[in-house]
Amino acid sequence: MQEPKPESESAPTMLHSLDLDLRDSQEFGALDSDQLAAASLIDDEIVRYGMEWRTDGKAAILKFAPEVEQRFEDETHAARCRELRMTMTFGFGFFLMTGFTDPLFVPDLGAIPYAIKALALPPIVIPVLFGSKLSPWLREAVATLAAIMAIVTTATVGAMSSSPLAPYSIMTATLALIYANSTFPLRFKFAVVCSIVCCGIASLEICLHDGIGFALACMLVFQTVVGGSFSLITSYRIEKSNRLSYLLSSREGLRLQMLAADREILTSLSNTDALTGLVNRRHFDRESAAALSDEANAGKEIGLLFIDVDHFKRYNDHYGHHAGDGCLREVAEAITQALRGTDTIAARYGGEEFAVLLLDVTREQAQSIADRVCRSVSARSLQHLNRKDSVEHVTISVGVACGVVGHCLSVEKLIESADAALYAAKRAGRNRVQFDLAEAA
């Protein structure tokens, strides 16, 4: 994988140079189909959002593909609600502060400004208190309505007054619009609606005000429209930046999921015997040593089964190595089936040998489990006509060693005892279970 280019390069170049295409089946082979589909969509959106304005205008549309848009809303809903709650609370404080300036700007209205502004309080309070319970669209719509109500009522108070300072009250509404678009901030498409409505109403009120001359009216309308337009540019850039940041973090999250899945698969492969699906000898030795050194197991009885497929070399010579591999898989499956429901670790120890660690078992229980394993393999009735004895199917010999977990019992001693028991079973005629009790004790 190539290294990404320095961040100082332009966004489009950086996005195209990242060799992290989420559609790469090799890199994301561990992801399921839904994750791969999401990864592909996110990668497409990153490329699109990294572009400058194109002739078809698609790069400027602040909306994802439907599936990505839904993920975006689901994953950012809580953070967006917190953001709105904080900025709306601050804006609400600004709105209340205008009550202190009303006696200075519009003294002729008396208590009328307070009555008018009281009408705007419910739509302002609702998104603050209940925004997290609303759907994304309704949440943004209510927030936009609250902004419009606050801005329009502020402008209306100034428009109703004949005071010489009334125009200052009207321009306070322009400051509120800039706050709504840039600090709040409203989502861009809602900010456009808010700006059109508020600039239109404020401009109309300025033009119809008897106490504002033509020149002053033109200047106030110009300032209102310019303030709304500049704040819209800011709103657009903020939302585009937020959406691009979300895409990049989502892709990184999927990449980390892929790496974690790959690590899990590699760990599993490194611990698993490819032929039988059981754990391999290295993992078995590591787990056995861990079990005997675990203080939680101190004083518990432990057992070890060493299993060998009887006359397996003759089986390979007669049926071929491919059939021999099939035989080992059948034996492994029979062992697994016999051990089902027990606390054990089963492994292919090497060649035709298998090992089973029995945790927290008595000698009688170990004997019963070993007998069950032996019968399970025999019950498969795998034909073996090259044994040179009276048996005509595949069987196993099992050596069993038991001991008590403590400082006197080592893995090496347990293996040595089980191995001795296994050879005793072979000498006794195979297809049987044998204890080496003296060594095990």
Protein backbone atom coordinates (compact mmCIF):
# COMPACT_ATOMS: atom_id res chain seq x y z
CA MET A 1 0.00 0.00 0.00
CA GLN A 2 1.33 3.40 -0.94
CA GLU A 3 1.77 6.15 1.62
CA PRO A 4 -0.65 9.09 1.36
CA LYS A 5 0.85 12.30 -0.01
CA PRO A 6 1.48 15.23 2.34
CA GLU A 7 -1.58 17.04 3.63
CA SER A 8 -0.30 20.32 2.25
CA GLU A 9 -1.43 19.28 -1.23
CA SER A 10 -4.86 20.21 -2.48
CA ALA A 11 -7.83 18.16 -1.33
CA PRO A 12 -8.62 16.61 -4.73
CA THR A 13 -5.01 15.49 -5.21
CA MET A 14 -4.83 14.12 -1.70
CA LEU A 15 -8.05 12.15 -2.06
CA HIS A 16 -7.05 10.63 -5.38
CA SER A 17 -3.57 9.74 -4.14
CA LEU A 18 -4.75 7.77 -1.13
CA ASP A 19 -4.33 4.12 -2.02
CA LEU A 20 -7.16 3.06 0.28
CA ASP A 21 -9.87 2.29 -2.25
CA LEU A 22 -12.50 0.62 -0.13
CA ARG A 23 -13.67 -1.41 -3.08
CA ASP A 24 -10.40 -3.36 -3.12
CA SER A 25 -11.52 -6.93 -2.49
CA GLN A 26 -8.11 -7.98 -1.20
CA GLU A 27 -7.92 -5.28 1.45
CA PHE A 28 -11.52 -5.61 2.53
CA GLY A 29 -12.02 -9.31 2.05
CA ALA A 30 -12.89 -9.67 5.73
CA LEU A 31 -15.85 -7.29 5.53
CA ASP A 32 -19.35 -8.54 4.79
CA SER A 33 -21.28 -7.46 1.70
CA ASP A 34 -23.12 -4.63 3.50
CA GLN A 35 -19.86 -3.13 4.73
CA LEU A 36 -18.28 -3.45 1.30
CA ALA A 37 -21.26 -1.69 -0.29
CA ALA A 38 -21.05 1.11 2.29
CA ALA A 39 -17.30 1.35 1.78
CA SER A 40 -17.73 1.69 -1.97
CA LEU A 41 -20.36 4.42 -1.58
CA ILE A 42 -18.24 6.31 0.94
CA ASP A 43 -15.23 6.15 -1.36
CA ASP A 44 -17.32 7.59 -4.22
CA GLU A 45 -18.56 10.40 -1.97
CA ILE A 46 -15.02 11.24 -0.84
CA VAL A 47 -13.90 11.64 -4.44
CA ARG A 48 -16.93 13.81 -5.22
CA TYR A 49 -16.58 16.00 -2.14
CA GLY A 50 -12.88 16.46 -2.83
CA MET A 51 -13.59 18.07 -6.17
CA GLU A 52 -14.02 21.74 -6.88
CA TRP A 53 -17.17 23.06 -8.56
CA ARG A 54 -17.81 21.16 -11.78
CA THR A 55 -19.78 22.21 -14.82
CA ASP A 56 -22.65 19.91 -13.86
CA GLY A 57 -22.67 21.29 -10.30
CA LYS A 58 -22.83 17.83 -8.69
CA ALA A 59 -19.72 18.35 -6.60
CA ALA A 60 -21.39 21.27 -4.83
CA ILE A 61 -24.58 19.45 -3.78
CA LEU A 62 -24.46 18.95 -0.01
CA LYS A 63 -26.16 15.57 -0.02
CA PHE A 64 -24.80 12.04 -0.01
CA ALA A 65 -26.08 8.99 -1.80
CA PRO A 66 -29.23 7.78 0.04
CA GLU A 67 -27.50 4.94 1.92
CA VAL A 68 -24.59 7.15 3.02
CA GLU A 69 -26.98 9.99 3.91
CA GLN A 70 -28.88 7.66 6.22
CA ARG A 71 -25.66 6.52 7.88
CA PHE A 72 -24.58 10.14 8.23
CA GLU A 73 -27.83 11.12 9.94
CA ASP A 74 -27.83 8.08 12.23
CA GLU A 75 -24.22 8.49 13.32
CA THR A 76 -24.21 12.26 13.73
CA HIS A 77 -27.70 12.74 15.19
CA ALA A 78 -26.62 12.87 18.83
CA ALA A 79 -23.71 15.23 18.16
CA ARG A 80 -25.90 17.48 16.01
CA CYS A 81 -28.52 17.69 18.76
CA ARG A 82 -25.87 18.66 21.31
CA GLU A 83 -24.51 21.29 18.93
CA LEU A 84 -27.95 22.78 18.31
CA ARG A 85 -28.81 22.74 22.00
CA MET A 86 -25.62 24.61 22.91
CA THR A 87 -25.69 27.20 20.12
CA MET A 88 -29.43 27.78 20.42
CA THR A 89 -29.09 28.33 24.15
CA PHE A 90 -26.38 30.90 23.49
CA GLY A 91 -28.51 32.51 20.75
CA PHE A 92 -31.49 32.53 23.08
CA GLY A 93 -29.39 34.53 25.53
CA PHE A 94 -28.53 36.98 22.74
CA PHE A 95 -32.23 37.24 21.88
CA LEU A 96 -33.10 38.05 25.51
CA MET A 97 -30.35 40.67 25.65
CA THR A 98 -32.15 42.67 22.96
CA GLY A 99 -34.73 43.37 25.61
CA PHE A 100 -32.17 45.61 27.31
CA THR A 101 -31.50 47.59 24.10
CA ASP A 102 -35.16 48.07 23.16
CA PRO A 103 -35.65 50.97 25.65
CA LEU A 104 -32.70 52.72 23.95
CA PHE A 105 -33.57 52.02 20.29
CA VAL A 106 -37.40 51.98 20.38
CA PRO A 107 -38.44 53.84 23.56
CA ASP A 108 -41.75 54.91 22.01
CA LEU A 109 -43.07 51.32 21.93
CA GLY A 110 -42.98 50.73 25.68
CA ALA A 111 -43.78 47.08 26.52
CA ILE A 112 -44.83 46.15 22.97
CA PRO A 113 -41.36 44.69 22.03
CA TYR A 114 -41.52 42.31 24.98
CA ALA A 115 -44.98 41.10 24.01
CA ILE A 116 -43.94 40.53 20.40
CA LYS A 117 -40.76 38.69 21.35
CA ALA A 118 -42.65 36.50 23.78
CA LEU A 119 -44.44 35.01 20.76
CA ALA A 120 -41.09 33.76 19.44
CA LEU A 121 -40.13 31.99 22.66
CA PRO A 122 -42.02 28.67 22.13
CA PRO A 123 -40.41 27.80 18.75
CA ILE A 124 -37.01 28.71 20.21
CA VAL A 125 -37.44 26.58 23.34
CA ILE A 126 -38.91 23.52 21.56
CA PRO A 127 -35.75 22.52 19.61
CA VAL A 128 -33.60 23.18 22.68
CA LEU A 129 -35.67 20.85 24.87
CA PHE A 130 -36.96 18.27 22.41
CA GLY A 131 -34.59 18.39 19.42
CA SER A 132 -33.08 14.96 20.16
CA LYS A 133 -36.53 13.32 19.93
CA LEU A 134 -37.32 14.72 16.48
CA SER A 135 -36.50 13.21 13.11
CA PRO A 136 -33.50 14.78 11.34
CA TRP A 137 -35.63 16.74 8.86
CA LEU A 138 -38.10 17.94 11.51
CA ARG A 139 -35.24 18.80 13.86
CA GLU A 140 -33.65 21.08 11.25
CA ALA A 141 -37.01 22.53 10.21
CA VAL A 142 -37.94 23.45 13.78
CA ALA A 143 -34.51 24.98 14.35
CA THR A 144 -34.93 27.01 11.16
CA LEU A 145 -38.38 28.16 12.24
CA ALA A 146 -36.96 29.24 15.59
CA ALA A 147 -34.25 31.27 13.84
CA ILE A 148 -36.77 32.89 11.49
CA MET A 149 -39.09 33.80 14.37
CA ALA A 150 -36.28 35.36 16.39
CA ILE A 151 -34.90 37.33 13.42
CA VAL A 152 -38.26 38.51 12.08
CA THR A 153 -39.59 39.62 15.46
CA THR A 154 -36.40 41.60 16.10
CA ALA A 155 -36.74 43.33 12.73
CA THR A 156 -40.46 43.91 13.22
CA VAL A 157 -39.92 45.68 16.52
CA GLY A 158 -37.64 48.22 14.80
CA ALA A 159 -40.04 48.60 11.87
CA MET A 160 -42.91 49.50 14.22
CA SER A 161 -41.00 52.34 15.90
CA SER A 162 -40.71 55.95 14.74
CA SER A 163 -37.64 56.49 16.91
CA PRO A 164 -34.54 57.87 15.13
CA LEU A 165 -32.59 54.85 16.43
CA ALA A 166 -35.11 52.31 15.10
CA PRO A 167 -32.87 51.36 12.13
CA TYR A 168 -30.30 50.04 14.62
CA SER A 169 -32.93 47.69 16.00
CA ILE A 170 -33.65 46.44 12.48
CA MET A 171 -29.95 45.82 11.82
CA THR A 172 -29.79 43.74 15.01
CA ALA A 173 -31.88 41.22 13.05
CA THR A 174 -29.12 41.06 10.42
CA LEU A 175 -26.63 40.13 13.14
CA ALA A 176 -29.02 37.40 14.27
CA LEU A 177 -29.19 36.07 10.69
CA ILE A 178 -25.41 35.96 10.45
CA TYR A 179 -25.33 34.08 13.75
CA ALA A 180 -27.94 31.57 12.54
CA ASN A 181 -26.03 30.83 9.32
CA SER A 182 -22.46 30.81 10.60
CA THR A 183 -22.44 30.04 14.33
CA PHE A 184 -25.60 28.04 14.79
CA PRO A 185 -25.16 26.84 12.07
CA LEU A 186 -28.26 25.85 10.13
CA ARG A 187 -27.83 23.15 7.51
CA PHE A 188 -27.14 24.91 4.23
CA LYS A 189 -30.44 24.26 2.46
CA PHE A 190 -32.32 25.43 5.58
CA ALA A 191 -29.98 28.41 5.86
CA VAL A 192 -30.94 29.39 2.30
CA VAL A 193 -34.64 29.33 3.22
CA CYS A 194 -33.98 31.28 6.42
CA SER A 195 -31.91 33.89 4.59
CA ILE A 196 -34.45 34.42 1.81
CA VAL A 197 -37.35 34.79 4.24
CA CYS A 198 -35.53 37.01 6.73
CA CYS A 199 -33.79 39.22 4.16
CA GLY A 200 -37.04 39.61 2.27
CA ILE A 201 -39.10 40.59 5.31
CA ALA A 202 -36.38 42.86 6.75
CA SER A 203 -35.87 44.59 3.39
CA LEU A 204 -39.62 45.10 3.00
CA GLU A 205 -39.92 46.55 6.49
CA ILE A 206 -36.97 48.88 5.84
CA CYS A 207 -38.44 50.14 2.57
CA LEU A 208 -41.91 50.68 4.07
CA HIS A 209 -40.67 52.49 7.15
CA ASP A 210 -41.76 56.14 7.00
CA GLY A 211 -38.87 57.40 9.11
CA ILE A 212 -36.10 55.90 6.95
CA GLY A 213 -35.02 57.92 3.93
CA PHE A 214 -34.34 56.43 0.53
CA ALA A 215 -30.54 56.57 0.82
CA LEU A 216 -30.51 55.04 4.29
CA ALA A 217 -33.02 52.39 3.23
CA CYS A 218 -30.82 51.39 0.30
CA MET A 219 -27.79 51.13 2.56
CA LEU A 220 -29.67 49.04 5.16
CA VAL A 221 -31.09 46.69 2.53
CA PHE A 222 -27.65 46.32 0.96
CA GLN A 223 -26.08 45.50 4.32
CA THR A 224 -28.84 43.00 5.12
CA VAL A 225 -28.49 41.18 1.80
CA VAL A 226 -24.68 41.19 1.88
CA GLY A 227 -24.63 39.95 5.49
CA GLY A 228 -27.04 37.14 4.60
CA SER A 229 -25.08 36.20 1.47
CA PHE A 230 -21.69 36.12 3.18
CA SER A 231 -23.08 34.04 6.03
CA LEU A 232 -24.55 31.60 3.48
CA ILE A 233 -21.09 31.10 1.99
CA THR A 234 -19.82 30.35 5.48
CA SER A 235 -22.73 27.95 6.07
CA TYR A 236 -21.94 26.10 2.85
CA ARG A 237 -18.27 25.73 3.67
CA ILE A 238 -18.96 24.58 7.21
CA GLU A 239 -21.38 21.88 6.10
CA LYS A 240 -19.16 20.71 3.25
CA SER A 241 -16.20 20.49 5.64
CA ASN A 242 -18.27 18.58 8.21
CA ARG A 243 -19.52 16.13 5.62
CA LEU A 244 -16.07 15.54 4.17
CA SER A 245 -14.67 15.01 7.69
CA TYR A 246 -17.42 12.47 8.32
CA LEU A 247 -16.58 10.60 5.11
CA LEU A 248 -12.89 10.46 5.93
CA SER A 249 -13.50 9.30 9.50
CA SER A 250 -16.01 6.69 8.26
CA ARG A 251 -13.51 5.34 5.74
CA GLU A 252 -10.86 5.19 8.44
CA GLY A 253 -13.34 3.39 10.70
CA LEU A 254 -14.05 0.81 8.01
CA ARG A 255 -10.34 0.44 7.39
CA LEU A 256 -9.75 -0.23 11.09
CA GLN A 257 -12.57 -2.78 11.05
CA MET A 258 -10.90 -4.45 8.09
CA LEU A 259 -7.54 -4.51 9.85
CA ALA A 260 -9.11 -5.94 13.01
CA ALA A 261 -10.93 -8.60 10.97
CA ASP A 262 -7.75 -9.44 9.08
CA ARG A 263 -5.80 -9.72 12.35
CA GLU A 264 -8.47 -12.02 13.72
CA ILE A 265 -8.35 -14.18 10.60
CA LEU A 266 -4.55 -14.29 10.59
CA THR A 267 -4.51 -15.18 14.28
CA SER A 268 -7.03 -17.93 13.64
CA LEU A 269 -5.06 -19.22 10.66
CA SER A 270 -1.80 -19.19 12.61
CA ASN A 271 -3.45 -21.21 15.39
CA THR A 272 -5.37 -23.64 13.18
CA ASP A 273 -4.35 -26.78 11.38
CA ALA A 274 -5.36 -26.24 7.76
CA LEU A 275 -6.21 -29.88 7.08
CA THR A 276 -8.44 -30.75 10.04
CA GLY A 277 -9.62 -27.39 11.34
CA LEU A 278 -8.41 -28.21 14.85
CA VAL A 279 -5.86 -26.01 16.59
CA ASN A 280 -2.25 -26.73 15.74
CA ARG A 281 0.52 -27.96 18.01
CA ARG A 282 1.99 -24.53 18.70
CA HIS A 283 -1.32 -23.15 19.92
CA PHE A 284 -2.04 -26.31 21.89
CA ASP A 285 1.31 -26.14 23.69
CA ARG A 286 0.75 -22.47 24.48
CA GLU A 287 -2.76 -23.06 25.82
CA SER A 288 -1.68 -26.10 27.83
CA ALA A 289 1.15 -24.16 29.48
CA ALA A 290 -1.25 -21.31 30.24
CA ALA A 291 -3.80 -23.68 31.80
CA LEU A 292 -1.19 -25.25 34.08
CA SER A 293 0.24 -21.89 35.14
CA ASP A 294 -3.15 -20.24 35.76
CA GLU A 295 -3.63 -19.73 39.49
CA ALA A 296 -7.39 -20.07 39.01
CA ASN A 297 -6.81 -23.74 38.04
CA ALA A 298 -4.59 -24.53 41.04
CA GLY A 299 -5.75 -27.71 42.75
CA LYS A 300 -7.98 -28.77 39.86
CA GLU A 301 -7.56 -32.13 38.14
CA ILE A 302 -6.47 -32.04 34.52
CA GLY A 303 -6.21 -34.71 31.87
CA LEU A 304 -4.37 -35.17 28.59
CA LEU A 305 -5.31 -37.54 25.77
CA PHE A 306 -2.73 -38.56 23.19
CA ILE A 307 -4.42 -40.09 20.13
CA ASP A 308 -2.82 -41.97 17.24
CA VAL A 309 -4.54 -43.36 14.14
CA ASP A 310 -3.82 -47.08 14.02
CA HIS A 311 -1.74 -48.35 11.06
CA PHE A 312 -2.01 -45.00 9.30
CA LYS A 313 1.14 -45.54 7.21
CA ARG A 314 -0.41 -48.71 5.81
CA TYR A 315 -3.58 -46.69 5.08
CA ASN A 316 -1.60 -44.13 3.07
CA ASP A 317 0.33 -46.83 1.25
CA HIS A 318 -2.87 -48.61 0.24
CA TYR A 319 -5.29 -45.73 -0.48
CA GLY A 320 -2.94 -42.85 -1.28
CA HIS A 321 -2.11 -39.62 0.48
CA HIS A 322 -5.21 -37.80 -0.74
CA ALA A 323 -7.42 -40.44 0.88
CA GLY A 324 -5.15 -40.24 3.93
CA ASP A 325 -5.94 -36.54 4.25
CA GLY A 326 -9.64 -37.36 4.08
CA CYS A 327 -9.19 -39.99 6.76
CA LEU A 328 -7.54 -37.47 9.11
CA ARG A 329 -10.38 -35.02 8.53
CA GLU A 330 -12.92 -37.71 9.39
CA VAL A 331 -11.01 -38.63 12.55
CA ALA A 332 -10.80 -34.98 13.59
CA GLU A 333 -14.54 -34.58 13.05
CA ALA A 334 -15.25 -37.70 15.09
CA ILE A 335 -13.04 -36.42 17.93
CA THR A 336 -14.77 -33.03 17.85
CA GLN A 337 -18.19 -34.67 17.93
CA ALA A 338 -17.23 -36.86 20.89
CA LEU A 339 -15.89 -33.86 22.84
CA ARG A 340 -18.94 -31.69 22.27
CA GLY A 341 -20.22 -30.24 25.55
CA THR A 342 -16.93 -30.69 27.41
CA ASP A 343 -14.31 -28.12 28.47
CA THR A 344 -11.49 -29.25 26.20
CA ILE A 345 -8.80 -28.11 23.76
CA ALA A 346 -8.34 -30.49 20.83
CA ALA A 347 -5.41 -30.26 18.43
CA ARG A 348 -3.71 -32.04 15.59
CA TYR A 349 -0.36 -32.63 17.24
CA GLY A 350 1.48 -33.80 14.14
CA GLY A 351 1.03 -36.33 11.33
CA GLU A 352 -1.67 -38.77 12.42
CA GLU A 353 -1.41 -37.77 16.10
CA PHE A 354 -3.98 -35.73 18.01
CA ALA A 355 -3.98 -34.31 21.52
CA VAL A 356 -6.83 -33.29 23.80
CA LEU A 357 -6.47 -31.28 27.01
CA LEU A 358 -9.25 -31.96 29.51
CA LEU A 359 -9.83 -29.23 32.06
CA ASP A 360 -11.22 -29.84 35.54
CA VAL A 361 -11.94 -33.59 35.13
CA THR A 362 -11.47 -36.63 37.33
CA ARG A 363 -9.67 -39.76 36.15
CA GLU A 364 -13.04 -41.48 35.75
CA GLN A 365 -14.34 -38.62 33.61
CA ALA A 366 -11.15 -38.62 31.53
CA GLN A 367 -11.55 -42.39 31.03
CA SER A 368 -15.17 -41.93 29.92
CA ILE A 369 -14.27 -39.15 27.47
CA ALA A 370 -11.37 -41.17 26.03
CA ASP A 371 -13.64 -44.20 25.54
CA ARG A 372 -16.23 -41.98 23.84
CA VAL A 373 -13.60 -40.59 21.46
CA CYS A 374 -12.38 -44.08 20.62
CA ARG A 375 -15.92 -45.33 19.92
CA SER A 376 -16.75 -42.21 17.86
CA VAL A 377 -13.88 -42.85 15.45
CA SER A 378 -14.64 -46.56 15.20
CA ALA A 379 -18.32 -45.81 14.54
CA ARG A 380 -17.36 -43.95 11.37
CA SER A 381 -16.51 -47.37 9.85
CA LEU A 382 -13.86 -45.93 7.53
CA GLN A 383 -12.64 -48.90 5.51
CA HIS A 384 -9.02 -49.95 6.13
CA LEU A 385 -8.20 -53.28 4.45
CA ASN A 386 -4.41 -53.02 4.78
CA ARG A 387 -4.12 -53.36 8.56
CA LYS A 388 -2.88 -56.97 8.65
CA ASP A 389 -5.13 -57.72 11.61
CA SER A 390 -8.74 -58.76 12.05
CA VAL A 391 -10.10 -55.19 12.05
CA GLU A 392 -11.16 -53.77 8.66
CA HIS A 393 -11.89 -50.12 9.53
CA VAL A 394 -10.01 -47.13 10.90
CA THR A 395 -9.48 -47.07 14.68
CA ILE A 396 -7.40 -45.06 17.12
CA SER A 397 -5.30 -45.75 20.19
CA VAL A 398 -5.57 -43.34 23.12
CA GLY A 399 -3.13 -42.70 25.93
CA VAL A 400 -4.45 -40.86 28.98
CA ALA A 401 -2.55 -39.03 31.71
CA CYS A 402 -4.11 -37.17 34.64
CA GLY A 403 -2.75 -34.95 37.36
CA VAL A 404 -3.48 -32.06 39.69
CA VAL A 405 -2.55 -28.55 38.61
CA GLY A 406 0.21 -27.26 40.85
CA HIS A 407 3.89 -26.49 41.02
CA CYS A 408 4.83 -30.17 40.77
CA LEU A 409 2.98 -30.80 37.46
CA SER A 410 4.49 -29.53 34.24
CA VAL A 411 3.29 -29.75 30.66
CA GLU A 412 6.33 -31.85 29.78
CA LYS A 413 5.57 -34.36 32.53
CA LEU A 414 1.92 -34.61 31.48
CA ILE A 415 2.89 -35.14 27.83
CA GLU A 416 5.49 -37.72 28.76
CA SER A 417 2.95 -39.71 30.76
CA ALA A 418 0.28 -39.52 28.03
CA ASP A 419 2.81 -40.57 25.40
CA ALA A 420 3.87 -43.54 27.50
CA ALA A 421 0.22 -44.53 27.91
CA LEU A 422 -0.31 -44.27 24.14
CA TYR A 423 2.56 -46.63 23.38
CA ALA A 424 1.22 -49.02 26.01
CA ALA A 425 -2.14 -49.00 24.17
CA LYS A 426 -0.37 -49.81 20.90
CA ARG A 427 1.59 -52.64 22.46
CA ALA A 428 -1.61 -54.03 23.91
CA GLY A 429 -3.16 -54.39 20.45
CA ARG A 430 -4.39 -50.88 19.47
CA ASN A 431 -8.00 -49.68 19.25
CA ARG A 432 -8.13 -49.06 22.97
CA VAL A 433 -7.61 -46.58 25.81
CA GLN A 434 -4.68 -46.94 28.20
CA PHE A 435 -3.66 -45.08 31.38
CA ASP A 436 -0.13 -44.60 32.59
CA LEU A 437 -1.21 -44.11 36.18
CA ALA A 438 2.18 -44.32 37.84
CA GLU A 439 3.67 -41.56 35.68
CA ALA A 440 0.48 -39.52 35.83
CA ALA A 441 0.47 -39.55 39.59
